[in-house]
Amino acid sequence: MRLSTNSMYQKNLNSILNTNNKWQKSGLHLATGKKILSPSDDPMGASQALILKQAQSRNDQFQAARESADKSLSRQDTILKEANTVIQSIQETLVYAGNETLNDENRQDLANKLQGLKDQLLSLANAKDTNGNYLFAGNKNDTPPFVVDESGKVNYVGGTTPINIFIDDTREVSLSFTGLQAFMTGANITQPDGTPAESDIFASLDYAIAALNIELDSNDEKAIEQFRDGLSKASAGIDNSFDNISTLRAAGGTVLAEVERLSALGKTLDIDFQTQISEIEDVDWYDAISDYVMLQANLQAAQYTFMNMQNMSLFQMK
């Protein structure tokens, strides 16, 4: 069998190039810490890693949703807690206002105090979440849900549908209650005559303020009766609203606890995903370093052999 100079030269050159490519790729494994640089390196492993990464990405999306829900529900609970604190002040004021030995000036002072408490409630009802959206506005969260008309009446103009998000594959929760649910829908409480109590907390306050503005110093029996009826209706409505907000806080707290539990599980799941992906993709450092050193030695040997063969007569023939 005859060997030409060109064929031997090309064969050795190809050997050097192939070994160099393998050595450089081995270097990339070391540099990146990954044993799968392309699907061809390990088709089965690459496929498994892709499936795990997709599952991890979905878990990350749920974790982001849970974080958003946690912030919104925590903010909601803080606002509703403050609202109940204001309502307790209103209840105490109404009890004191029922003392008919007070004069008209005293009652006017109490009416002014209730107006201030009403303004506080309105501010809480128009509170924003951590993203700057109106918390109790439902699906119309870019504008204040409660507005005051020329007569001083508070009206709800927010959305009637709460904003919901999925915090797990099959679990959907509301980020917050609507203003109707929180401030204008009461518990099952009735007035002494058996009629439903007022469920609109702002309307209840208006009844109380109107009653306290009635002049009673003239001992007008009709005026006194109106005063008593107004305070009674207001008190029942305020108690109704307090119980409603307390019920909503309990419901929101239950959801918040569920979100926190799922968040903890999501963090554990993310670690599991990362561990499995690492087992598939990450290099075995001992093997990777050994391969790198071995290929480097092979390359040096091939280069040395090639240089020596250039001195053989076959390479010197013309």
C-alpha atoms as a PDB file:
ATOM      1  CA  MET A   1       0.000   0.000   0.000  1.00  0.00           C
ATOM      2  CA  ARG A   2       1.431   3.347  -1.001  1.00  0.00           C
ATOM      3  CA  LEU A   3       1.024   6.425   1.124  1.00  0.00           C
ATOM      4  CA  SER A   4       1.429   9.841  -0.371  1.00  0.00           C
ATOM      5  CA  THR A   5       2.872  12.771   1.503  1.00  0.00           C
ATOM      6  CA  ASN A   6      -0.396  14.658   1.229  1.00  0.00           C
ATOM      7  CA  SER A   7      -2.511  11.820   2.627  1.00  0.00           C
ATOM      8  CA  MET A   8      -0.252  11.314   5.635  1.00  0.00           C
ATOM      9  CA  TYR A   9      -0.100  15.035   6.228  1.00  0.00           C
ATOM     10  CA  GLN A  10      -3.884  15.330   6.062  1.00  0.00           C
ATOM     11  CA  LYS A  11      -4.443  12.326   8.298  1.00  0.00           C
ATOM     12  CA  ASN A  12      -2.221  13.697  11.036  1.00  0.00           C
ATOM     13  CA  LEU A  13      -3.635  17.175  10.654  1.00  0.00           C
ATOM     14  CA  ASN A  14      -7.186  15.840  11.020  1.00  0.00           C
ATOM     15  CA  SER A  15      -6.135  13.950  14.121  1.00  0.00           C
ATOM     16  CA  ILE A  16      -4.743  17.144  15.627  1.00  0.00           C
ATOM     17  CA  LEU A  17      -7.837  19.143  14.725  1.00  0.00           C
ATOM     18  CA  ASN A  18     -10.233  16.531  16.116  1.00  0.00           C
ATOM     19  CA  THR A  19      -8.287  16.225  19.342  1.00  0.00           C
ATOM     20  CA  ASN A  20      -8.113  20.017  19.631  1.00  0.00           C
ATOM     21  CA  ASN A  21     -11.899  20.310  19.184  1.00  0.00           C
ATOM     22  CA  LYS A  22     -12.490  17.714  21.898  1.00  0.00           C
ATOM     23  CA  TRP A  23     -10.019  19.475  24.198  1.00  0.00           C
ATOM     24  CA  GLN A  24     -11.641  22.866  23.656  1.00  0.00           C
ATOM     25  CA  LYS A  25     -15.103  21.400  24.296  1.00  0.00           C
ATOM     26  CA  SER A  26     -13.772  19.808  27.463  1.00  0.00           C
ATOM     27  CA  GLY A  27     -12.567  23.251  28.450  1.00  0.00           C
ATOM     28  CA  LEU A  28     -16.058  24.627  27.892  1.00  0.00           C
ATOM     29  CA  HIS A  29     -17.460  21.947  30.198  1.00  0.00           C
ATOM     30  CA  LEU A  30     -15.059  23.143  32.880  1.00  0.00           C
ATOM     31  CA  ALA A  31     -15.707  26.820  32.210  1.00  0.00           C
ATOM     32  CA  THR A  32     -19.508  26.502  32.333  1.00  0.00           C
ATOM     33  CA  GLY A  33     -19.730  23.692  34.858  1.00  0.00           C
ATOM     34  CA  LYS A  34     -22.210  21.971  32.517  1.00  0.00           C
ATOM     35  CA  LYS A  35     -21.799  18.567  30.943  1.00  0.00           C
ATOM     36  CA  ILE A  36     -24.645  19.197  28.460  1.00  0.00           C
ATOM     37  CA  LEU A  37     -23.684  22.072  26.202  1.00  0.00           C
ATOM     38  CA  SER A  38     -26.006  21.005  23.390  1.00  0.00           C
ATOM     39  CA  PRO A  39     -28.761  18.366  23.082  1.00  0.00           C
ATOM     40  CA  SER A  40     -26.401  16.144  21.086  1.00  0.00           C
ATOM     41  CA  ASP A  41     -24.202  15.740  24.168  1.00  0.00           C
ATOM     42  CA  ASP A  42     -26.963  13.782  25.939  1.00  0.00           C
ATOM     43  CA  PRO A  43     -30.330  13.754  24.131  1.00  0.00           C
ATOM     44  CA  MET A  44     -32.160  11.947  26.924  1.00  0.00           C
ATOM     45  CA  GLY A  45     -30.665  14.117  29.642  1.00  0.00           C
ATOM     46  CA  ALA A  46     -31.331  17.303  27.677  1.00  0.00           C
ATOM     47  CA  SER A  47     -34.981  16.274  27.256  1.00  0.00           C
ATOM     48  CA  GLN A  48     -35.383  15.532  30.963  1.00  0.00           C
ATOM     49  CA  ALA A  49     -33.714  18.808  31.906  1.00  0.00           C
ATOM     50  CA  LEU A  50     -36.042  20.726  29.574  1.00  0.00           C
ATOM     51  CA  ILE A  51     -39.117  19.155  31.169  1.00  0.00           C
ATOM     52  CA  LEU A  52     -37.834  19.992  34.641  1.00  0.00           C
ATOM     53  CA  LYS A  53     -37.040  23.585  33.640  1.00  0.00           C
ATOM     54  CA  GLN A  54     -40.535  24.050  32.243  1.00  0.00           C
ATOM     55  CA  ALA A  55     -42.017  22.745  35.482  1.00  0.00           C
ATOM     56  CA  GLN A  56     -39.688  25.006  37.454  1.00  0.00           C
ATOM     57  CA  SER A  57     -40.720  27.997  35.352  1.00  0.00           C
ATOM     58  CA  ARG A  58     -44.387  27.273  36.031  1.00  0.00           C
ATOM     59  CA  ASN A  59     -43.646  27.000  39.733  1.00  0.00           C
ATOM     60  CA  ASP A  60     -41.835  30.357  39.550  1.00  0.00           C
ATOM     61  CA  GLN A  61     -44.937  31.912  37.954  1.00  0.00           C
ATOM     62  CA  PHE A  62     -47.116  30.576  40.761  1.00  0.00           C
ATOM     63  CA  GLN A  63     -44.608  31.843  43.316  1.00  0.00           C
ATOM     64  CA  ALA A  64     -44.828  35.315  41.787  1.00  0.00           C
ATOM     65  CA  ALA A  65     -48.635  35.116  41.929  1.00  0.00           C
ATOM     66  CA  ARG A  66     -48.469  34.006  45.570  1.00  0.00           C
ATOM     67  CA  GLU A  67     -46.162  36.876  46.407  1.00  0.00           C
ATOM     68  CA  SER A  68     -48.605  39.305  44.800  1.00  0.00           C
ATOM     69  CA  ALA A  69     -51.528  37.720  46.656  1.00  0.00           C
ATOM     70  CA  ASP A  70     -49.626  37.789  49.940  1.00  0.00           C
ATOM     71  CA  LYS A  71     -48.881  41.501  49.610  1.00  0.00           C
ATOM     72  CA  SER A  72     -52.448  42.352  48.605  1.00  0.00           C
ATOM     73  CA  LEU A  73     -54.115  40.222  51.283  1.00  0.00           C
ATOM     74  CA  SER A  74     -51.741  41.492  53.975  1.00  0.00           C
ATOM     75  CA  ARG A  75     -52.430  45.075  52.940  1.00  0.00           C
ATOM     76  CA  GLN A  76     -56.167  44.361  52.924  1.00  0.00           C
ATOM     77  CA  ASP A  77     -56.053  42.923  56.440  1.00  0.00           C
ATOM     78  CA  THR A  78     -54.159  45.973  57.691  1.00  0.00           C
ATOM     79  CA  ILE A  79     -56.745  48.345  56.193  1.00  0.00           C
ATOM     80  CA  LEU A  80     -59.724  46.365  57.485  1.00  0.00           C
ATOM     81  CA  LYS A  81     -58.148  46.200  60.930  1.00  0.00           C
ATOM     82  CA  GLU A  82     -57.759  49.976  60.920  1.00  0.00           C
ATOM     83  CA  ALA A  83     -61.357  50.306  59.698  1.00  0.00           C
ATOM     84  CA  ASN A  84     -62.629  48.276  62.649  1.00  0.00           C
ATOM     85  CA  THR A  85     -60.566  50.439  64.999  1.00  0.00           C
ATOM     86  CA  VAL A  86     -62.314  53.511  63.563  1.00  0.00           C
ATOM     87  CA  ILE A  87     -65.687  51.758  63.847  1.00  0.00           C
ATOM     88  CA  GLN A  88     -65.041  51.033  67.512  1.00  0.00           C
ATOM     89  CA  SER A  89     -64.474  54.760  68.045  1.00  0.00           C
ATOM     90  CA  ILE A  90     -67.765  55.386  66.235  1.00  0.00           C
ATOM     91  CA  GLN A  91     -69.569  52.879  68.465  1.00  0.00           C
ATOM     92  CA  GLU A  92     -68.205  54.528  71.607  1.00  0.00           C
ATOM     93  CA  THR A  93     -69.245  57.933  70.296  1.00  0.00           C
ATOM     94  CA  LEU A  94     -72.780  56.724  69.543  1.00  0.00           C
ATOM     95  CA  VAL A  95     -73.139  55.274  73.036  1.00  0.00           C
ATOM     96  CA  TYR A  96     -72.107  58.600  74.517  1.00  0.00           C
ATOM     97  CA  ALA A  97     -74.359  60.481  72.086  1.00  0.00           C
ATOM     98  CA  GLY A  98     -77.370  58.576  73.439  1.00  0.00           C
ATOM     99  CA  ASN A  99     -77.135  60.540  76.674  1.00  0.00           C
ATOM    100  CA  GLU A 100     -80.079  62.897  76.315  1.00  0.00           C
ATOM    101  CA  THR A 101     -78.774  65.201  79.034  1.00  0.00           C
ATOM    102  CA  LEU A 102     -76.304  66.588  76.497  1.00  0.00           C
ATOM    103  CA  ASN A 103     -77.171  69.934  74.996  1.00  0.00           C
ATOM    104  CA  ASP A 104     -77.392  70.786  71.307  1.00  0.00           C
ATOM    105  CA  GLU A 105     -73.860  72.176  71.289  1.00  0.00           C
ATOM    106  CA  ASN A 106     -72.481  68.938  72.744  1.00  0.00           C
ATOM    107  CA  ARG A 107     -74.356  66.926  70.133  1.00  0.00           C
ATOM    108  CA  GLN A 108     -73.025  69.171  67.375  1.00  0.00           C
ATOM    109  CA  ASP A 109     -69.498  68.473  68.581  1.00  0.00           C
ATOM    110  CA  LEU A 110     -70.222  64.749  68.420  1.00  0.00           C
ATOM    111  CA  ALA A 111     -71.646  65.138  64.915  1.00  0.00           C
ATOM    112  CA  ASN A 112     -68.416  66.862  63.854  1.00  0.00           C
ATOM    113  CA  LYS A 113     -66.417  64.040  65.434  1.00  0.00           C
ATOM    114  CA  LEU A 114     -68.422  61.438  63.526  1.00  0.00           C
ATOM    115  CA  GLN A 115     -67.884  63.378  60.310  1.00  0.00           C
ATOM    116  CA  GLY A 116     -64.153  63.173  60.926  1.00  0.00           C
ATOM    117  CA  LEU A 117     -64.398  59.433  61.548  1.00  0.00           C
ATOM    118  CA  LYS A 118     -66.443  59.088  58.370  1.00  0.00           C
ATOM    119  CA  ASP A 119     -63.669  60.854  56.444  1.00  0.00           C
ATOM    120  CA  GLN A 120     -61.151  58.418  57.944  1.00  0.00           C
ATOM    121  CA  LEU A 121     -63.240  55.452  56.804  1.00  0.00           C
ATOM    122  CA  LEU A 122     -63.567  56.939  53.336  1.00  0.00           C
ATOM    123  CA  SER A 123     -59.793  57.296  53.139  1.00  0.00           C
ATOM    124  CA  LEU A 124     -59.348  53.660  54.188  1.00  0.00           C
ATOM    125  CA  ALA A 125     -62.000  52.508  51.699  1.00  0.00           C
ATOM    126  CA  ASN A 126     -60.039  54.285  48.941  1.00  0.00           C
ATOM    127  CA  ALA A 127     -56.696  52.846  50.052  1.00  0.00           C
ATOM    128  CA  LYS A 128     -54.219  51.581  47.471  1.00  0.00           C
ATOM    129  CA  ASP A 129     -52.254  48.349  47.365  1.00  0.00           C
ATOM    130  CA  THR A 130     -48.469  48.088  47.095  1.00  0.00           C
ATOM    131  CA  ASN A 131     -48.692  48.464  43.301  1.00  0.00           C
ATOM    132  CA  GLY A 132     -50.607  51.741  43.494  1.00  0.00           C
ATOM    133  CA  ASN A 133     -53.974  50.227  42.542  1.00  0.00           C
ATOM    134  CA  TYR A 134     -57.126  50.906  44.548  1.00  0.00           C
ATOM    135  CA  LEU A 135     -57.451  47.957  46.883  1.00  0.00           C
ATOM    136  CA  PHE A 136     -61.244  47.711  47.148  1.00  0.00           C
ATOM    137  CA  ALA A 137     -62.113  48.736  43.575  1.00  0.00           C
ATOM    138  CA  GLY A 138     -62.405  45.235  42.130  1.00  0.00           C
ATOM    139  CA  ASN A 139     -61.769  45.111  38.397  1.00  0.00           C
ATOM    140  CA  LYS A 140     -61.866  48.933  38.154  1.00  0.00           C
ATOM    141  CA  ASN A 141     -58.809  49.481  40.281  1.00  0.00           C
ATOM    142  CA  ASP A 142     -57.401  52.478  38.423  1.00  0.00           C
ATOM    143  CA  THR A 143     -59.900  54.964  39.911  1.00  0.00           C
ATOM    144  CA  PRO A 144     -61.144  55.576  43.486  1.00  0.00           C
ATOM    145  CA  PRO A 145     -64.014  53.189  44.246  1.00  0.00           C
ATOM    146  CA  PHE A 146     -65.807  55.579  46.603  1.00  0.00           C
ATOM    147  CA  VAL A 147     -66.841  59.136  45.715  1.00  0.00           C
ATOM    148  CA  VAL A 148     -68.816  61.771  47.611  1.00  0.00           C
ATOM    149  CA  ASP A 149     -71.645  63.582  45.850  1.00  0.00           C
ATOM    150  CA  GLU A 150     -72.808  67.166  46.469  1.00  0.00           C
ATOM    151  CA  SER A 151     -75.126  66.089  49.273  1.00  0.00           C
ATOM    152  CA  GLY A 152     -72.270  64.398  51.135  1.00  0.00           C
ATOM    153  CA  LYS A 153     -73.457  60.877  50.355  1.00  0.00           C
ATOM    154  CA  VAL A 154     -70.760  58.313  49.671  1.00  0.00           C
ATOM    155  CA  ASN A 155     -71.338  56.225  46.539  1.00  0.00           C
ATOM    156  CA  TYR A 156     -69.526  53.133  45.317  1.00  0.00           C
ATOM    157  CA  VAL A 157     -68.374  53.386  41.682  1.00  0.00           C
ATOM    158  CA  GLY A 158     -65.798  50.588  41.694  1.00  0.00           C
ATOM    159  CA  GLY A 159     -66.049  47.200  40.055  1.00  0.00           C
ATOM    160  CA  THR A 160     -68.376  44.490  41.271  1.00  0.00           C
ATOM    161  CA  THR A 161     -66.000  41.691  40.250  1.00  0.00           C
ATOM    162  CA  PRO A 162     -62.864  41.054  42.316  1.00  0.00           C
ATOM    163  CA  ILE A 163     -59.527  40.411  40.613  1.00  0.00           C
ATOM    164  CA  ASN A 164     -58.648  36.723  40.856  1.00  0.00           C
ATOM    165  CA  ILE A 165     -55.350  34.940  40.256  1.00  0.00           C
ATOM    166  CA  PHE A 166     -54.264  31.297  40.318  1.00  0.00           C
ATOM    167  CA  ILE A 167     -51.837  30.474  43.118  1.00  0.00           C
ATOM    168  CA  ASP A 168     -51.673  26.804  42.120  1.00  0.00           C
ATOM    169  CA  ASP A 169     -52.811  24.625  39.227  1.00  0.00           C
ATOM    170  CA  THR A 170     -56.384  24.412  40.496  1.00  0.00           C
ATOM    171  CA  ARG A 171     -56.553  27.113  43.199  1.00  0.00           C
ATOM    172  CA  GLU A 172     -57.838  30.579  42.344  1.00  0.00           C
ATOM    173  CA  VAL A 173     -58.155  33.359  44.936  1.00  0.00           C
ATOM    174  CA  SER A 174     -59.237  37.008  45.008  1.00  0.00           C
ATOM    175  CA  LEU A 175     -56.552  39.586  45.649  1.00  0.00           C
ATOM    176  CA  SER A 176     -58.997  41.559  47.787  1.00  0.00           C
ATOM    177  CA  PHE A 177     -62.678  42.114  48.495  1.00  0.00           C
ATOM    178  CA  THR A 178     -64.618  44.735  46.593  1.00  0.00           C
ATOM    179  CA  GLY A 179     -65.803  47.892  48.317  1.00  0.00           C
ATOM    180  CA  LEU A 180     -69.352  46.584  48.168  1.00  0.00           C
ATOM    181  CA  GLN A 181     -68.335  43.479  50.099  1.00  0.00           C
ATOM    182  CA  ALA A 182     -66.276  45.355  52.657  1.00  0.00           C
ATOM    183  CA  PHE A 183     -68.274  48.494  53.373  1.00  0.00           C
ATOM    184  CA  MET A 184     -71.758  48.080  51.911  1.00  0.00           C
ATOM    185  CA  THR A 185     -72.768  44.498  52.584  1.00  0.00           C
ATOM    186  CA  GLY A 186     -73.495  43.623  56.190  1.00  0.00           C
ATOM    187  CA  ALA A 187     -74.019  40.516  58.255  1.00  0.00           C
ATOM    188  CA  ASN A 188     -77.422  39.119  59.124  1.00  0.00           C
ATOM    189  CA  ILE A 189     -78.462  41.689  61.719  1.00  0.00           C
ATOM    190  CA  THR A 190     -81.907  43.240  62.116  1.00  0.00           C
ATOM    191  CA  GLN A 191     -83.223  46.290  63.879  1.00  0.00           C
ATOM    192  CA  PRO A 192     -85.505  46.038  66.920  1.00  0.00           C
ATOM    193  CA  ASP A 193     -88.589  46.207  64.672  1.00  0.00           C
ATOM    194  CA  GLY A 194     -87.351  43.193  62.685  1.00  0.00           C
ATOM    195  CA  THR A 195     -86.343  45.078  59.541  1.00  0.00           C
ATOM    196  CA  PRO A 196     -82.845  44.541  58.087  1.00  0.00           C
ATOM    197  CA  ALA A 197     -80.201  46.812  59.552  1.00  0.00           C
ATOM    198  CA  GLU A 198     -78.387  49.264  57.310  1.00  0.00           C
ATOM    199  CA  SER A 199     -75.427  47.577  55.630  1.00  0.00           C
ATOM    200  CA  ASP A 200     -73.888  50.735  54.148  1.00  0.00           C
ATOM    201  CA  ILE A 201     -71.513  51.998  56.826  1.00  0.00           C
ATOM    202  CA  PHE A 202     -71.406  55.499  55.355  1.00  0.00           C
ATOM    203  CA  ALA A 203     -75.196  55.697  55.280  1.00  0.00           C
ATOM    204  CA  SER A 204     -75.258  54.578  58.922  1.00  0.00           C
ATOM    205  CA  LEU A 205     -72.939  57.424  59.829  1.00  0.00           C
ATOM    206  CA  ASP A 206     -75.134  59.861  57.910  1.00  0.00           C
ATOM    207  CA  TYR A 207     -78.123  58.742  60.019  1.00  0.00           C
ATOM    208  CA  ALA A 208     -76.161  59.390  63.205  1.00  0.00           C
ATOM    209  CA  ILE A 209     -74.875  62.774  62.060  1.00  0.00           C
ATOM    210  CA  ALA A 210     -78.359  63.842  60.968  1.00  0.00           C
ATOM    211  CA  ALA A 211     -79.800  62.741  64.326  1.00  0.00           C
ATOM    212  CA  LEU A 212     -77.178  64.679  66.270  1.00  0.00           C
ATOM    213  CA  ASN A 213     -77.976  67.823  64.280  1.00  0.00           C
ATOM    214  CA  ILE A 214     -81.606  67.744  65.472  1.00  0.00           C
ATOM    215  CA  GLU A 215     -82.321  70.453  68.039  1.00  0.00           C
ATOM    216  CA  LEU A 216     -83.666  68.851  71.205  1.00  0.00           C
ATOM    217  CA  ASP A 217     -83.499  71.702  73.713  1.00  0.00           C
ATOM    218  CA  SER A 218     -87.092  72.669  72.898  1.00  0.00           C
ATOM    219  CA  ASN A 219     -88.266  69.291  74.284  1.00  0.00           C
ATOM    220  CA  ASP A 220     -90.117  68.579  71.044  1.00  0.00           C
ATOM    221  CA  GLU A 221     -91.374  64.986  71.409  1.00  0.00           C
ATOM    222  CA  LYS A 222     -91.349  64.406  67.654  1.00  0.00           C
ATOM    223  CA  ALA A 223     -87.776  65.683  67.408  1.00  0.00           C
ATOM    224  CA  ILE A 224     -86.727  63.478  70.316  1.00  0.00           C
ATOM    225  CA  GLU A 225     -88.303  60.457  68.655  1.00  0.00           C
ATOM    226  CA  GLN A 226     -86.511  61.229  65.396  1.00  0.00           C
ATOM    227  CA  PHE A 227     -83.266  61.591  67.328  1.00  0.00           C
ATOM    228  CA  ARG A 228     -83.690  58.226  69.045  1.00  0.00           C
ATOM    229  CA  ASP A 229     -84.728  56.439  65.858  1.00  0.00           C
ATOM    230  CA  GLY A 230     -81.788  57.921  63.947  1.00  0.00           C
ATOM    231  CA  LEU A 231     -79.242  56.852  66.567  1.00  0.00           C
ATOM    232  CA  SER A 232     -80.816  53.403  66.874  1.00  0.00           C
ATOM    233  CA  LYS A 233     -80.722  52.840  63.132  1.00  0.00           C
ATOM    234  CA  ALA A 234     -77.157  54.135  62.949  1.00  0.00           C
ATOM    235  CA  SER A 235     -75.975  51.955  65.849  1.00  0.00           C
ATOM    236  CA  ALA A 236     -77.488  48.807  64.338  1.00  0.00           C
ATOM    237  CA  GLY A 237     -75.896  49.582  60.977  1.00  0.00           C
ATOM    238  CA  ILE A 238     -72.489  50.322  62.504  1.00  0.00           C
ATOM    239  CA  ASP A 239     -72.604  47.077  64.519  1.00  0.00           C
ATOM    240  CA  ASN A 240     -73.609  45.297  61.335  1.00  0.00           C
ATOM    241  CA  SER A 241     -70.628  46.725  59.458  1.00  0.00           C
ATOM    242  CA  PHE A 242     -68.224  45.873  62.279  1.00  0.00           C
ATOM    243  CA  ASP A 243     -69.340  42.243  62.261  1.00  0.00           C
ATOM    244  CA  ASN A 244     -69.138  42.115  58.464  1.00  0.00           C
ATOM    245  CA  ILE A 245     -65.575  43.445  58.361  1.00  0.00           C
ATOM    246  CA  SER A 246     -64.571  41.054  61.144  1.00  0.00           C
ATOM    247  CA  THR A 247     -65.991  38.154  59.115  1.00  0.00           C
ATOM    248  CA  LEU A 248     -64.139  39.297  56.001  1.00  0.00           C
ATOM    249  CA  ARG A 249     -60.889  39.599  57.931  1.00  0.00           C
ATOM    250  CA  ALA A 250     -61.265  36.005  59.100  1.00  0.00           C
ATOM    251  CA  ALA A 251     -61.956  34.831  55.533  1.00  0.00           C
ATOM    252  CA  GLY A 252     -59.020  36.817  54.171  1.00  0.00           C
ATOM    253  CA  GLY A 253     -56.761  35.471  56.915  1.00  0.00           C
ATOM    254  CA  THR A 254     -57.633  31.910  55.943  1.00  0.00           C
ATOM    255  CA  VAL A 255     -56.679  32.583  52.319  1.00  0.00           C
ATOM    256  CA  LEU A 256     -53.503  34.370  53.419  1.00  0.00           C
ATOM    257  CA  ALA A 257     -52.475  31.355  55.488  1.00  0.00           C
ATOM    258  CA  GLU A 258     -53.066  29.111  52.463  1.00  0.00           C
ATOM    259  CA  VAL A 259     -50.948  31.395  50.275  1.00  0.00           C
ATOM    260  CA  GLU A 260     -48.115  31.327  52.805  1.00  0.00           C
ATOM    261  CA  ARG A 261     -48.299  27.528  53.020  1.00  0.00           C
ATOM    262  CA  LEU A 262     -48.177  27.150  49.232  1.00  0.00           C
ATOM    263  CA  SER A 263     -45.293  29.630  49.052  1.00  0.00           C
ATOM    264  CA  ALA A 264     -43.283  27.519  51.482  1.00  0.00           C
ATOM    265  CA  LEU A 265     -44.034  24.399  49.447  1.00  0.00           C
ATOM    266  CA  GLY A 266     -43.120  26.259  46.250  1.00  0.00           C
ATOM    267  CA  LYS A 267     -39.715  27.176  47.675  1.00  0.00           C
ATOM    268  CA  THR A 268     -39.072  23.550  48.585  1.00  0.00           C
ATOM    269  CA  LEU A 269     -40.209  22.434  45.144  1.00  0.00           C
ATOM    270  CA  ASP A 270     -37.876  24.939  43.479  1.00  0.00           C
ATOM    271  CA  ILE A 271     -34.943  23.478  45.400  1.00  0.00           C
ATOM    272  CA  ASP A 272     -35.966  19.983  44.293  1.00  0.00           C
ATOM    273  CA  PHE A 273     -36.147  21.091  40.663  1.00  0.00           C
ATOM    274  CA  GLN A 274     -32.754  22.759  40.881  1.00  0.00           C
ATOM    275  CA  THR A 275     -31.217  19.649  42.444  1.00  0.00           C
ATOM    276  CA  GLN A 276     -32.600  17.362  39.736  1.00  0.00           C
ATOM    277  CA  ILE A 277     -31.505  19.712  36.948  1.00  0.00           C
ATOM    278  CA  SER A 278     -28.061  19.973  38.480  1.00  0.00           C
ATOM    279  CA  GLU A 279     -27.719  16.189  38.642  1.00  0.00           C
ATOM    280  CA  ILE A 280     -28.486  15.998  34.917  1.00  0.00           C
ATOM    281  CA  GLU A 281     -26.566  19.001  33.604  1.00  0.00           C
ATOM    282  CA  ASP A 282     -23.692  19.715  35.967  1.00  0.00           C
ATOM    283  CA  VAL A 283     -20.289  18.202  35.343  1.00  0.00           C
ATOM    284  CA  ASP A 284     -18.586  15.673  37.553  1.00  0.00           C
ATOM    285  CA  TRP A 285     -15.557  17.800  38.315  1.00  0.00           C
ATOM    286  CA  TYR A 286     -13.219  14.858  38.829  1.00  0.00           C
ATOM    287  CA  ASP A 287     -14.137  13.296  35.484  1.00  0.00           C
ATOM    288  CA  ALA A 288     -14.178  16.652  33.687  1.00  0.00           C
ATOM    289  CA  ILE A 289     -10.714  17.625  34.902  1.00  0.00           C
ATOM    290  CA  SER A 290      -9.344  14.168  34.101  1.00  0.00           C
ATOM    291  CA  ASP A 291     -10.757  14.344  30.560  1.00  0.00           C
ATOM    292  CA  TYR A 292      -9.334  17.825  30.063  1.00  0.00           C
ATOM    293  CA  VAL A 293      -5.854  16.819  31.180  1.00  0.00           C
ATOM    294  CA  MET A 294      -5.940  13.603  29.130  1.00  0.00           C
ATOM    295  CA  LEU A 295      -7.079  15.402  25.962  1.00  0.00           C
ATOM    296  CA  GLN A 296      -4.470  18.074  26.473  1.00  0.00           C
ATOM    297  CA  ALA A 297      -1.784  15.391  26.713  1.00  0.00           C
ATOM    298  CA  ASN A 298      -3.155  13.656  23.597  1.00  0.00           C
ATOM    299  CA  LEU A 299      -3.106  16.931  21.697  1.00  0.00           C
ATOM    300  CA  GLN A 300       0.461  17.662  22.697  1.00  0.00           C
ATOM    301  CA  ALA A 301       1.488  14.141  21.693  1.00  0.00           C
ATOM    302  CA  ALA A 302      -0.230  14.460  18.317  1.00  0.00           C
ATOM    303  CA  GLN A 303       1.445  17.813  17.691  1.00  0.00           C
ATOM    304  CA  TYR A 304       4.830  16.392  18.646  1.00  0.00           C
ATOM    305  CA  THR A 305       4.344  13.394  16.361  1.00  0.00           C
ATOM    306  CA  PHE A 306       3.281  15.618  13.503  1.00  0.00           C
ATOM    307  CA  MET A 307       6.343  17.848  13.884  1.00  0.00           C
ATOM    308  CA  ASN A 308       8.664  14.839  13.919  1.00  0.00           C
ATOM    309  CA  MET A 309       7.065  13.303  10.847  1.00  0.00           C
ATOM    310  CA  GLN A 310       7.839  16.444   8.906  1.00  0.00           C
ATOM    311  CA  ASN A 311      11.526  15.473   9.110  1.00  0.00           C
ATOM    312  CA  MET A 312      10.904  12.100   7.464  1.00  0.00           C
ATOM    313  CA  SER A 313      11.956  11.741   3.847  1.00  0.00           C
ATOM    314  CA  LEU A 314       8.397  11.159   2.759  1.00  0.00           C
ATOM    315  CA  PHE A 315       7.551  14.757   3.681  1.00  0.00           C
ATOM    316  CA  GLN A 316      10.694  16.014   1.969  1.00  0.00           C
ATOM    317  CA  MET A 317       9.954  14.420  -1.380  1.00  0.00           C
ATOM    318  CA  LYS A 318       9.064  16.773  -4.218  1.00  0.00           C
END
